PDB file of N, CA and C in Angstrom:
ATOM      1  N   GLN A   1     226.396 200.666  21.471  1.00  0.00           N
ATOM      2  CA  GLN A   1     226.766 199.256  21.542  1.00  0.00           C
ATOM      3  C   GLN A   1     227.453 198.990  22.868  1.00  0.00           C
ATOM      4  N   VAL A   2     227.068 197.877  23.490  1.00  0.00           N
ATOM      5  CA  VAL A   2     227.631 197.523  24.784  1.00  0.00           C
ATOM      6  C   VAL A   2     229.076 197.075  24.616  1.00  0.00           C
ATOM      7  N   GLN A   3     229.936 197.599  25.471  1.00  0.00           N
ATOM      8  CA  GLN A   3     231.333 197.184  25.484  1.00  0.00           C
ATOM      9  C   GLN A   3     231.553 196.220  26.650  1.00  0.00           C
ATOM     10  N   LEU A   4     232.189 195.110  26.359  1.00  0.00           N
ATOM     11  CA  LEU A   4     232.495 194.093  27.370  1.00  0.00           C
ATOM     12  C   LEU A   4     233.991 193.835  27.337  1.00  0.00           C
ATOM     13  N   VAL A   5     234.640 193.966  28.481  1.00  0.00           N
ATOM     14  CA  VAL A   5     236.082 193.770  28.543  1.00  0.00           C
ATOM     15  C   VAL A   5     236.403 192.753  29.629  1.00  0.00           C
ATOM     16  N   GLU A   6     236.841 191.568  29.188  1.00  0.00           N
ATOM     17  CA  GLU A   6     237.211 190.519  30.126  1.00  0.00           C
ATOM     18  C   GLU A   6     238.678 190.646  30.510  1.00  0.00           C
ATOM     19  N   SER A   7     238.994 190.235  31.733  1.00  0.00           N
ATOM     20  CA  SER A   7     240.377 190.244  32.200  1.00  0.00           C
ATOM     21  C   SER A   7     240.549 189.207  33.303  1.00  0.00           C
ATOM     22  N   GLY A   8     241.801 188.954  33.667  1.00  0.00           N
ATOM     23  CA  GLY A   8     242.076 188.067  34.786  1.00  0.00           C
ATOM     24  C   GLY A   8     242.572 186.693  34.415  1.00  0.00           C
ATOM     25  N   GLY A   9     242.623 186.389  33.136  1.00  0.00           N
ATOM     26  CA  GLY A   9     243.119 185.090  32.726  1.00  0.00           C
ATOM     27  C   GLY A   9     244.614 184.961  32.912  1.00  0.00           C
ATOM     28  N   GLY A  10     245.114 183.759  32.663  1.00  0.00           N
ATOM     29  CA  GLY A  10     246.543 183.527  32.801  1.00  0.00           C
ATOM     30  C   GLY A  10     246.861 182.055  32.838  1.00  0.00           C
ATOM     31  N   LEU A  11     248.093 181.768  33.204  1.00  0.00           N
ATOM     32  CA  LEU A  11     248.571 180.393  33.331  1.00  0.00           C
ATOM     33  C   LEU A  11     248.512 179.986  34.797  1.00  0.00           C
ATOM     34  N   VAL A  12     247.917 178.846  35.054  1.00  0.00           N
ATOM     35  CA  VAL A  12     247.781 178.367  36.432  1.00  0.00           C
ATOM     36  C   VAL A  12     247.986 176.864  36.457  1.00  0.00           C
ATOM     37  N   GLN A  13     248.506 176.369  37.565  1.00  0.00           N
ATOM     38  CA  GLN A  13     248.715 174.930  37.701  1.00  0.00           C
ATOM     39  C   GLN A  13     247.403 174.239  38.054  1.00  0.00           C
ATOM     40  N   PRO A  14     247.294 172.963  37.721  1.00  0.00           N
ATOM     41  CA  PRO A  14     246.098 172.203  38.129  1.00  0.00           C
ATOM     42  C   PRO A  14     245.874 172.312  39.634  1.00  0.00           C
ATOM     43  N   GLY A  15     244.622 172.531  39.998  1.00  0.00           N
ATOM     44  CA  GLY A  15     244.286 172.728  41.399  1.00  0.00           C
ATOM     45  C   GLY A  15     244.304 174.179  41.839  1.00  0.00           C
ATOM     46  N   GLY A  16     244.814 175.036  40.988  1.00  0.00           N
ATOM     47  CA  GLY A  16     244.910 176.451  41.327  1.00  0.00           C
ATOM     48  C   GLY A  16     243.611 177.213  41.083  1.00  0.00           C
ATOM     49  N   SER A  17     243.674 178.517  41.320  1.00  0.00           N
ATOM     50  CA  SER A  17     242.494 179.373  41.201  1.00  0.00           C
ATOM     51  C   SER A  17     242.805 180.621  40.381  1.00  0.00           C
ATOM     52  N   LEU A  18     241.777 181.148  39.770  1.00  0.00           N
ATOM     53  CA  LEU A  18     241.832 182.434  39.080  1.00  0.00           C
ATOM     54  C   LEU A  18     240.498 183.130  39.267  1.00  0.00           C
ATOM     55  N   ARG A  19     240.543 184.455  39.204  1.00  0.00           N
ATOM     56  CA  ARG A  19     239.313 185.240  39.247  1.00  0.00           C
ATOM     57  C   ARG A  19     239.239 186.097  37.986  1.00  0.00           C
ATOM     58  N   LEU A  20     238.217 185.846  37.190  1.00  0.00           N
ATOM     59  CA  LEU A  20     237.998 186.622  35.976  1.00  0.00           C
ATOM     60  C   LEU A  20     237.061 187.780  36.269  1.00  0.00           C
ATOM     61  N   SER A  21     237.256 188.851  35.524  1.00  0.00           N
ATOM     62  CA  SER A  21     236.393 190.016  35.623  1.00  0.00           C
ATOM     63  C   SER A  21     235.894 190.404  34.247  1.00  0.00           C
ATOM     64  N   CYS A  22     234.742 191.030  34.207  1.00  0.00           N
ATOM     65  CA  CYS A  22     234.173 191.524  32.958  1.00  0.00           C
ATOM     66  C   CYS A  22     233.569 192.895  33.234  1.00  0.00           C
ATOM     67  N   ALA A  23     234.180 193.910  32.687  1.00  0.00           N
ATOM     68  CA  ALA A  23     233.674 195.276  32.840  1.00  0.00           C
ATOM     69  C   ALA A  23     232.687 195.559  31.718  1.00  0.00           C
ATOM     70  N   VAL A  24     231.524 196.076  32.096  1.00  0.00           N
ATOM     71  CA  VAL A  24     230.438 196.292  31.145  1.00  0.00           C
ATOM     72  C   VAL A  24     230.109 197.778  31.076  1.00  0.00           C
ATOM     73  N   SER A  25     229.949 198.285  29.855  1.00  0.00           N
ATOM     74  CA  SER A  25     229.743 199.726  29.694  1.00  0.00           C
ATOM     75  C   SER A  25     228.288 200.149  29.838  1.00  0.00           C
ATOM     76  N   GLU A  26     227.357 199.205  29.733  1.00  0.00           N
ATOM     77  CA  GLU A  26     225.944 199.569  29.671  1.00  0.00           C
ATOM     78  C   GLU A  26     225.417 200.050  31.013  1.00  0.00           C
ATOM     79  N   SER A  27     224.705 201.167  30.996  1.00  0.00           N
ATOM     80  CA  SER A  27     224.222 201.782  32.226  1.00  0.00           C
ATOM     81  C   SER A  27     223.150 200.949  32.916  1.00  0.00           C
ATOM     82  N   THR A  28     222.437 200.121  32.145  1.00  0.00           N
ATOM     83  CA  THR A  28     221.368 199.303  32.730  1.00  0.00           C
ATOM     84  C   THR A  28     221.853 197.905  33.097  1.00  0.00           C
ATOM     85  N   PHE A  29     223.138 197.795  33.370  1.00  0.00           N
ATOM     86  CA  PHE A  29     223.760 196.500  33.677  1.00  0.00           C
ATOM     87  C   PHE A  29     222.992 195.723  34.727  1.00  0.00           C
ATOM     88  N   SER A  30     222.519 196.386  35.756  1.00  0.00           N
ATOM     89  CA  SER A  30     221.881 195.702  36.873  1.00  0.00           C
ATOM     90  C   SER A  30     220.574 195.015  36.501  1.00  0.00           C
ATOM     91  N   LEU A  31     220.038 195.331  35.336  1.00  0.00           N
ATOM     92  CA  LEU A  31     218.723 194.821  34.968  1.00  0.00           C
ATOM     93  C   LEU A  31     218.749 193.496  34.224  1.00  0.00           C
ATOM     94  N   PHE A  32     219.881 193.114  33.706  1.00  0.00           N
ATOM     95  CA  PHE A  32     219.856 191.946  32.838  1.00  0.00           C
ATOM     96  C   PHE A  32     220.793 190.836  33.283  1.00  0.00           C
ATOM     97  N   THR A  33     220.478 189.648  32.807  1.00  0.00           N
ATOM     98  CA  THR A  33     221.281 188.463  33.076  1.00  0.00           C
ATOM     99  C   THR A  33     222.605 188.550  32.325  1.00  0.00           C
ATOM    100  N   MET A  34     223.660 188.095  32.983  1.00  0.00           N
ATOM    101  CA  MET A  34     224.976 188.007  32.359  1.00  0.00           C
ATOM    102  C   MET A  34     225.456 186.563  32.394  1.00  0.00           C
ATOM    103  N   ASN A  35     226.213 186.209  31.364  1.00  0.00           N
ATOM    104  CA  ASN A  35     226.707 184.850  31.201  1.00  0.00           C
ATOM    105  C   ASN A  35     228.224 184.821  31.047  1.00  0.00           C
ATOM    106  N   TRP A  36     228.792 183.719  31.481  1.00  0.00           N
ATOM    107  CA  TRP A  36     230.165 183.370  31.121  1.00  0.00           C
ATOM    108  C   TRP A  36     230.101 182.163  30.185  1.00  0.00           C
ATOM    109  N   LEU A  37     230.871 182.222  29.137  1.00  0.00           N
ATOM    110  CA  LEU A  37     231.037 181.103  28.218  1.00  0.00           C
ATOM    111  C   LEU A  37     232.521 180.880  28.020  1.00  0.00           C
ATOM    112  N   ARG A  38     232.874 179.752  27.431  1.00  0.00           N
ATOM    113  CA  ARG A  38     234.276 179.469  27.151  1.00  0.00           C
ATOM    114  C   ARG A  38     234.386 178.659  25.866  1.00  0.00           C
ATOM    115  N   GLN A  39     235.553 178.775  25.268  1.00  0.00           N
ATOM    116  CA  GLN A  39     235.830 178.009  24.068  1.00  0.00           C
ATOM    117  C   GLN A  39     237.222 177.417  24.168  1.00  0.00           C
ATOM    118  N   ALA A  40     237.263 176.114  24.281  1.00  0.00           N
ATOM    119  CA  ALA A  40     238.535 175.404  24.340  1.00  0.00           C
ATOM    120  C   ALA A  40     239.085 175.225  22.929  1.00  0.00           C
ATOM    121  N   PRO A  41     240.382 175.021  22.796  1.00  0.00           N
ATOM    122  CA  PRO A  41     240.984 174.844  21.467  1.00  0.00           C
ATOM    123  C   PRO A  41     240.311 173.717  20.696  1.00  0.00           C
ATOM    124  N   GLY A  42     239.850 174.016  19.504  1.00  0.00           N
ATOM    125  CA  GLY A  42     239.260 173.005  18.653  1.00  0.00           C
ATOM    126  C   GLY A  42     237.853 172.575  19.019  1.00  0.00           C
ATOM    127  N   LYS A  43     237.260 173.275  20.008  1.00  0.00           N
ATOM    128  CA  LYS A  43     235.918 172.893  20.455  1.00  0.00           C
ATOM    129  C   LYS A  43     234.933 174.048  20.269  1.00  0.00           C
ATOM    130  N   GLU A  44     233.656 173.722  20.388  1.00  0.00           N
ATOM    131  CA  GLU A  44     232.626 174.740  20.243  1.00  0.00           C
ATOM    132  C   GLU A  44     232.511 175.582  21.513  1.00  0.00           C
ATOM    133  N   LEU A  45     231.877 176.713  21.352  1.00  0.00           N
ATOM    134  CA  LEU A  45     231.603 177.586  22.479  1.00  0.00           C
ATOM    135  C   LEU A  45     230.709 176.865  23.483  1.00  0.00           C
ATOM    136  N   GLU A  46     231.076 176.956  24.764  1.00  0.00           N
ATOM    137  CA  GLU A  46     230.353 176.246  25.816  1.00  0.00           C
ATOM    138  C   GLU A  46     229.865 177.237  26.872  1.00  0.00           C
ATOM    139  N   TRP A  47     228.601 177.145  27.217  1.00  0.00           N
ATOM    140  CA  TRP A  47     228.062 177.981  28.288  1.00  0.00           C
ATOM    141  C   TRP A  47     228.593 177.486  29.634  1.00  0.00           C
ATOM    142  N   VAL A  48     228.970 178.410  30.520  1.00  0.00           N
ATOM    143  CA  VAL A  48     229.567 178.047  31.801  1.00  0.00           C
ATOM    144  C   VAL A  48     228.659 178.401  32.973  1.00  0.00           C
ATOM    145  N   SER A  49     228.165 179.643  32.982  1.00  0.00           N
ATOM    146  CA  SER A  49     227.400 180.084  34.146  1.00  0.00           C
ATOM    147  C   SER A  49     226.624 181.339  33.797  1.00  0.00           C
ATOM    148  N   ALA A  50     225.582 181.612  34.590  1.00  0.00           N
ATOM    149  CA  ALA A  50     224.773 182.808  34.398  1.00  0.00           C
ATOM    150  C   ALA A  50     224.320 183.352  35.741  1.00  0.00           C
ATOM    151  N   ILE A  51     224.112 184.653  35.768  1.00  0.00           N
ATOM    152  CA  ILE A  51     223.568 185.297  36.963  1.00  0.00           C
ATOM    153  C   ILE A  51     222.603 186.374  36.510  1.00  0.00           C
ATOM    154  N   SER A  52     221.395 186.345  37.065  1.00  0.00           N
ATOM    155  CA  SER A  52     220.389 187.331  36.687  1.00  0.00           C
ATOM    156  C   SER A  52     220.638 188.650  37.405  1.00  0.00           C
ATOM    157  N   GLY A  53     219.913 189.668  36.999  1.00  0.00           N
ATOM    158  CA  GLY A  53     220.036 190.950  37.677  1.00  0.00           C
ATOM    159  C   GLY A  53     219.681 190.866  39.153  1.00  0.00           C
ATOM    160  N   GLY A  54     218.788 189.940  39.464  1.00  0.00           N
ATOM    161  CA  GLY A  54     218.370 189.750  40.845  1.00  0.00           C
ATOM    162  C   GLY A  54     219.191 188.758  41.627  1.00  0.00           C
ATOM    163  N   GLY A  55     220.193 188.151  40.959  1.00  0.00           N
ATOM    164  CA  GLY A  55     221.101 187.263  41.663  1.00  0.00           C
ATOM    165  C   GLY A  55     220.818 185.784  41.542  1.00  0.00           C
ATOM    166  N   LEU A  56     219.884 185.403  40.677  1.00  0.00           N
ATOM    167  CA  LEU A  56     219.661 183.972  40.452  1.00  0.00           C
ATOM    168  C   LEU A  56     220.816 183.414  39.636  1.00  0.00           C
ATOM    169  N   ILE A  57     221.333 182.265  40.053  1.00  0.00           N
ATOM    170  CA  ILE A  57     222.573 181.726  39.507  1.00  0.00           C
ATOM    171  C   ILE A  57     222.368 180.323  38.967  1.00  0.00           C
ATOM    172  N   SER A  58     223.057 180.012  37.886  1.00  0.00           N
ATOM    173  CA  SER A  58     223.076 178.657  37.355  1.00  0.00           C
ATOM    174  C   SER A  58     224.467 178.357  36.820  1.00  0.00           C
ATOM    175  N   TYR A  59     224.821 177.075  36.823  1.00  0.00           N
ATOM    176  CA  TYR A  59     226.129 176.609  36.385  1.00  0.00           C
ATOM    177  C   TYR A  59     225.993 175.403  35.473  1.00  0.00           C
ATOM    178  N   ALA A  60     226.948 175.274  34.577  1.00  0.00           N
ATOM    179  CA  ALA A  60     227.097 174.033  33.840  1.00  0.00           C
ATOM    180  C   ALA A  60     227.563 172.956  34.808  1.00  0.00           C
ATOM    181  N   GLU A  61     227.161 171.742  34.528  1.00  0.00           N
ATOM    182  CA  GLU A  61     227.517 170.633  35.411  1.00  0.00           C
ATOM    183  C   GLU A  61     229.029 170.493  35.536  1.00  0.00           C
ATOM    184  N   SER A  62     229.753 170.809  34.485  1.00  0.00           N
ATOM    185  CA  SER A  62     231.204 170.621  34.467  1.00  0.00           C
ATOM    186  C   SER A  62     231.941 171.545  35.436  1.00  0.00           C
ATOM    187  N   VAL A  63     231.294 172.631  35.872  1.00  0.00           N
ATOM    188  CA  VAL A  63     231.963 173.575  36.766  1.00  0.00           C
ATOM    189  C   VAL A  63     231.257 173.716  38.107  1.00  0.00           C
ATOM    190  N   GLN A  64     230.102 173.090  38.241  1.00  0.00           N
ATOM    191  CA  GLN A  64     229.337 173.161  39.484  1.00  0.00           C
ATOM    192  C   GLN A  64     230.204 172.744  40.670  1.00  0.00           C
ATOM    193  N   GLY A  65     230.210 173.570  41.712  1.00  0.00           N
ATOM    194  CA  GLY A  65     230.983 173.263  42.904  1.00  0.00           C
ATOM    195  C   GLY A  65     232.410 173.763  42.870  1.00  0.00           C
ATOM    196  N   ARG A  66     232.872 174.214  41.711  1.00  0.00           N
ATOM    197  CA  ARG A  66     234.240 174.733  41.589  1.00  0.00           C
ATOM    198  C   ARG A  66     234.260 176.216  41.222  1.00  0.00           C
ATOM    199  N   PHE A  67     233.324 176.659  40.433  1.00  0.00           N
ATOM    200  CA  PHE A  67     233.275 178.048  39.963  1.00  0.00           C
ATOM    201  C   PHE A  67     232.170 178.795  40.704  1.00  0.00           C
ATOM    202  N   ILE A  68     232.414 180.090  40.917  1.00  0.00           N
ATOM    203  CA  ILE A  68     231.429 180.948  41.561  1.00  0.00           C
ATOM    204  C   ILE A  68     231.265 182.225  40.741  1.00  0.00           C
ATOM    205  N   ILE A  69     230.050 182.452  40.277  1.00  0.00           N
ATOM    206  CA  ILE A  69     229.759 183.658  39.524  1.00  0.00           C
ATOM    207  C   ILE A  69     229.196 184.718  40.479  1.00  0.00           C
ATOM    208  N   SER A  70     229.539 185.970  40.228  1.00  0.00           N
ATOM    209  CA  SER A  70     229.001 187.062  41.033  1.00  0.00           C
ATOM    210  C   SER A  70     229.013 188.338  40.198  1.00  0.00           C
ATOM    211  N   ARG A  71     228.392 189.351  40.737  1.00  0.00           N
ATOM    212  CA  ARG A  71     228.337 190.622  40.032  1.00  0.00           C
ATOM    213  C   ARG A  71     228.315 191.772  41.037  1.00  0.00           C
ATOM    214  N   ASP A  72     228.861 192.881  40.612  1.00  0.00           N
ATOM    215  CA  ASP A  72     228.808 194.113  41.394  1.00  0.00           C
ATOM    216  C   ASP A  72     228.092 195.122  40.508  1.00  0.00           C
ATOM    217  N   ASN A  73     226.835 195.339  40.770  1.00  0.00           N
ATOM    218  CA  ASN A  73     226.048 196.211  39.897  1.00  0.00           C
ATOM    219  C   ASN A  73     226.510 197.668  39.972  1.00  0.00           C
ATOM    220  N   ALA A  74     227.011 198.088  41.114  1.00  0.00           N
ATOM    221  CA  ALA A  74     227.498 199.459  41.236  1.00  0.00           C
ATOM    222  C   ALA A  74     228.722 199.691  40.356  1.00  0.00           C
ATOM    223  N   LYS A  75     229.556 198.672  40.246  1.00  0.00           N
ATOM    224  CA  LYS A  75     230.767 198.772  39.421  1.00  0.00           C
ATOM    225  C   LYS A  75     230.520 198.287  38.000  1.00  0.00           C
ATOM    226  N   LYS A  76     229.334 197.773  37.739  1.00  0.00           N
ATOM    227  CA  LYS A  76     229.009 197.230  36.411  1.00  0.00           C
ATOM    228  C   LYS A  76     230.049 196.193  35.999  1.00  0.00           C
ATOM    229  N   THR A  77     230.296 195.277  36.898  1.00  0.00           N
ATOM    230  CA  THR A  77     231.323 194.269  36.670  1.00  0.00           C
ATOM    231  C   THR A  77     230.801 192.889  37.031  1.00  0.00           C
ATOM    232  N   LEU A  78     231.123 191.935  36.189  1.00  0.00           N
ATOM    233  CA  LEU A  78     230.794 190.527  36.380  1.00  0.00           C
ATOM    234  C   LEU A  78     232.076 189.797  36.743  1.00  0.00           C
ATOM    235  N   TYR A  79     231.960 188.789  37.617  1.00  0.00           N
ATOM    236  CA  TYR A  79     233.130 188.027  38.054  1.00  0.00           C
ATOM    237  C   TYR A  79     232.902 186.540  37.878  1.00  0.00           C
ATOM    238  N   LEU A  80     234.006 185.817  37.788  1.00  0.00           N
ATOM    239  CA  LEU A  80     233.964 184.362  37.827  1.00  0.00           C
ATOM    240  C   LEU A  80     235.167 183.885  38.638  1.00  0.00           C
ATOM    241  N   GLN A  81     234.897 183.408  39.837  1.00  0.00           N
ATOM    242  CA  GLN A  81     235.934 182.811  40.674  1.00  0.00           C
ATOM    243  C   GLN A  81     236.053 181.339  40.287  1.00  0.00           C
ATOM    244  N   MET A  82     237.223 180.955  39.857  1.00  0.00           N
ATOM    245  CA  MET A  82     237.433 179.597  39.386  1.00  0.00           C
ATOM    246  C   MET A  82     238.422 178.895  40.318  1.00  0.00           C
ATOM    247  N   ASN A  83     237.961 177.840  40.953  1.00  0.00           N
ATOM    248  CA  ASN A  83     238.768 177.103  41.906  1.00  0.00           C
ATOM    249  C   ASN A  83     239.005 175.675  41.424  1.00  0.00           C
ATOM    250  N   ASN A  84     240.038 175.057  41.967  1.00  0.00           N
ATOM    251  CA  ASN A  84     240.367 173.675  41.605  1.00  0.00           C
ATOM    252  C   ASN A  84     240.369 173.493  40.085  1.00  0.00           C
ATOM    253  N   LEU A  85     241.092 174.362  39.424  1.00  0.00           N
ATOM    254  CA  LEU A  85     241.130 174.333  37.966  1.00  0.00           C
ATOM    255  C   LEU A  85     241.811 173.068  37.460  1.00  0.00           C
ATOM    256  N   GLN A  86     241.273 172.563  36.365  1.00  0.00           N
ATOM    257  CA  GLN A  86     241.792 171.356  35.737  1.00  0.00           C
ATOM    258  C   GLN A  86     242.148 171.659  34.287  1.00  0.00           C
ATOM    259  N   SER A  87     242.872 170.748  33.663  1.00  0.00           N
ATOM    260  CA  SER A  87     243.314 170.971  32.287  1.00  0.00           C
ATOM    261  C   SER A  87     242.126 171.183  31.343  1.00  0.00           C
ATOM    262  N   ASP A  88     241.016 170.541  31.619  1.00  0.00           N
ATOM    263  CA  ASP A  88     239.823 170.696  30.776  1.00  0.00           C
ATOM    264  C   ASP A  88     239.226 172.091  30.850  1.00  0.00           C
ATOM    265  N   ASP A  89     239.669 172.886  31.823  1.00  0.00           N
ATOM    266  CA  ASP A  89     239.180 174.258  31.943  1.00  0.00           C
ATOM    267  C   ASP A  89     239.963 175.220  31.050  1.00  0.00           C
ATOM    268  N   THR A  90     241.016 174.731  30.424  1.00  0.00           N
ATOM    269  CA  THR A  90     241.779 175.564  29.504  1.00  0.00           C
ATOM    270  C   THR A  90     240.896 176.023  28.344  1.00  0.00           C
ATOM    271  N   ALA A  91     240.795 177.335  28.187  1.00  0.00           N
ATOM    272  CA  ALA A  91     239.892 177.904  27.179  1.00  0.00           C
ATOM    273  C   ALA A  91     240.023 179.420  27.176  1.00  0.00           C
ATOM    274  N   VAL A  92     239.434 180.019  26.171  1.00  0.00           N
ATOM    275  CA  VAL A  92     239.210 181.460  26.206  1.00  0.00           C
ATOM    276  C   VAL A  92     237.841 181.682  26.829  1.00  0.00           C
ATOM    277  N   TYR A  93     237.779 182.535  27.831  1.00  0.00           N
ATOM    278  CA  TYR A  93     236.549 182.796  28.564  1.00  0.00           C
ATOM    279  C   TYR A  93     235.963 184.144  28.132  1.00  0.00           C
ATOM    280  N   TYR A  94     234.661 184.127  27.917  1.00  0.00           N
ATOM    281  CA  TYR A  94     233.944 185.300  27.443  1.00  0.00           C
ATOM    282  C   TYR A  94     232.777 185.643  28.362  1.00  0.00           C
ATOM    283  N   CYS A  95     232.463 186.901  28.446  1.00  0.00           N
ATOM    284  CA  CYS A  95     231.228 187.309  29.104  1.00  0.00           C
ATOM    285  C   CYS A  95     230.291 187.886  28.053  1.00  0.00           C
ATOM    286  N   THR A  96     229.016 187.743  28.290  1.00  0.00           N
ATOM    287  CA  THR A  96     228.030 188.214  27.330  1.00  0.00           C
ATOM    288  C   THR A  96     226.648 188.262  27.971  1.00  0.00           C
ATOM    289  N   LYS A  97     225.763 189.064  27.415  1.00  0.00           N
ATOM    290  CA  LYS A  97     224.365 189.081  27.856  1.00  0.00           C
ATOM    291  C   LYS A  97     223.614 187.854  27.376  1.00  0.00           C
ATOM    292  N   TYR A  98     224.103 187.243  26.314  1.00  0.00           N
ATOM    293  CA  TYR A  98     223.338 186.199  25.646  1.00  0.00           C
ATOM    294  C   TYR A  98     223.995 184.836  25.812  1.00  0.00           C
ATOM    295  N   ARG A  99     223.199 183.863  26.195  1.00  0.00           N
ATOM    296  CA  ARG A  99     223.700 182.508  26.403  1.00  0.00           C
ATOM    297  C   ARG A  99     224.267 181.920  25.113  1.00  0.00           C
ATOM    298  N   SER A 100     223.797 182.401  23.990  1.00  0.00           N
ATOM    299  CA  SER A 100     224.303 181.911  22.699  1.00  0.00           C
ATOM    300  C   SER A 100     225.734 182.373  22.447  1.00  0.00           C
ATOM    301  N   GLY A 101     226.159 183.401  23.176  1.00  0.00           N
ATOM    302  CA  GLY A 101     227.489 183.945  22.958  1.00  0.00           C
ATOM    303  C   GLY A 101     227.500 185.203  22.109  1.00  0.00           C
ATOM    304  N   TYR A 102     226.334 185.547  21.584  1.00  0.00           N
ATOM    305  CA  TYR A 102     226.235 186.747  20.764  1.00  0.00           C
ATOM    306  C   TYR A 102     226.680 187.971  21.551  1.00  0.00           C
ATOM    307  N   GLY A 103     227.470 188.844  20.916  1.00  0.00           N
ATOM    308  CA  GLY A 103     227.866 190.089  21.550  1.00  0.00           C
ATOM    309  C   GLY A 103     228.928 189.955  22.618  1.00  0.00           C
ATOM    310  N   ARG A 104     229.631 188.849  22.661  1.00  0.00           N
ATOM    311  CA  ARG A 104     230.634 188.639  23.692  1.00  0.00           C
ATOM    312  C   ARG A 104     231.835 189.547  23.479  1.00  0.00           C
ATOM    313  N   GLY A 105     232.654 189.676  24.533  1.00  0.00           N
ATOM    314  CA  GLY A 105     233.841 190.500  24.456  1.00  0.00           C
ATOM    315  C   GLY A 105     234.970 189.784  23.741  1.00  0.00           C
ATOM    316  N   GLN A 106     236.186 190.305  23.913  1.00  0.00           N
ATOM    317  CA  GLN A 106     237.339 189.726  23.211  1.00  0.00           C
ATOM    318  C   GLN A 106     237.862 188.471  23.900  1.00  0.00           C
ATOM    319  N   GLY A 107     237.444 188.270  25.121  1.00  0.00           N
ATOM    320  CA  GLY A 107     237.829 187.072  25.847  1.00  0.00           C
ATOM    321  C   GLY A 107     239.122 187.215  26.624  1.00  0.00           C
ATOM    322  N   THR A 108     239.302 186.309  27.574  1.00  0.00           N
ATOM    323  CA  THR A 108     240.545 186.237  28.335  1.00  0.00           C
ATOM    324  C   THR A 108     240.983 184.776  28.388  1.00  0.00           C
ATOM    325  N   GLN A 109     242.252 184.542  28.115  1.00  0.00           N
ATOM    326  CA  GLN A 109     242.775 183.187  27.978  1.00  0.00           C
ATOM    327  C   GLN A 109     243.104 182.600  29.351  1.00  0.00           C
ATOM    328  N   VAL A 110     242.640 181.391  29.571  1.00  0.00           N
ATOM    329  CA  VAL A 110     242.985 180.639  30.782  1.00  0.00           C
ATOM    330  C   VAL A 110     243.685 179.358  30.340  1.00  0.00           C
ATOM    331  N   ILE A 111     244.882 179.141  30.859  1.00  0.00           N
ATOM    332  CA  ILE A 111     245.640 177.934  30.557  1.00  0.00           C
ATOM    333  C   ILE A 111     245.956 177.236  31.866  1.00  0.00           C
ATOM    334  N   VAL A 112     245.503 176.002  31.958  1.00  0.00           N
ATOM    335  CA  VAL A 112     245.754 175.201  33.159  1.00  0.00           C
ATOM    336  C   VAL A 112     246.757 174.116  32.780  1.00  0.00           C
ATOM    337  N   SER A 113     247.945 174.255  33.325  1.00  0.00           N
ATOM    338  CA  SER A 113     249.011 173.341  32.947  1.00  0.00           C
ATOM    339  C   SER A 113     250.094 173.329  34.014  1.00  0.00           C
ATOM    340  N   SER A 114     250.708 172.154  34.177  1.00  0.00           N
ATOM    341  CA  SER A 114     251.817 172.047  35.121  1.00  0.00           C
ATOM    342  C   SER A 114     253.142 172.293  34.412  1.00  0.00           C
TER     343      SER A 114
END
C-alpha cells in the first residue's frame, strides 16, 4: 500500500506563503499523476492541482496564478507552493494519486488568518 505523508502546513497571515510537501513511498512515483486536494471546514473535498509524471500541470480556477505544483521524482516528493494565501485557502490539504481523493494521506492543516 502506498504511503503518503503531507507536511508543511501551518498558520499564515493573508498574503503570506507556504510550501507543502508530500513524501510518497511508491517506487514507481515518477510514472503517475499526483494531485493536491483540500477540504475546508464544513465543505466537501475540493481538487486543487495535478501534475503528471511527465510534468503536465493543471490548476483549479480558485488557485490559478497563486499556487505552483511541482515534483521531484528522484526524491519521490510532491510539492505545492502557495502564494498570496487568502482566508478561503484555509483547509486541510491532501496529496493523492486519485483526483477523487481516494487513498489520500493524513493531510496537513493550513490556516490563513490575521
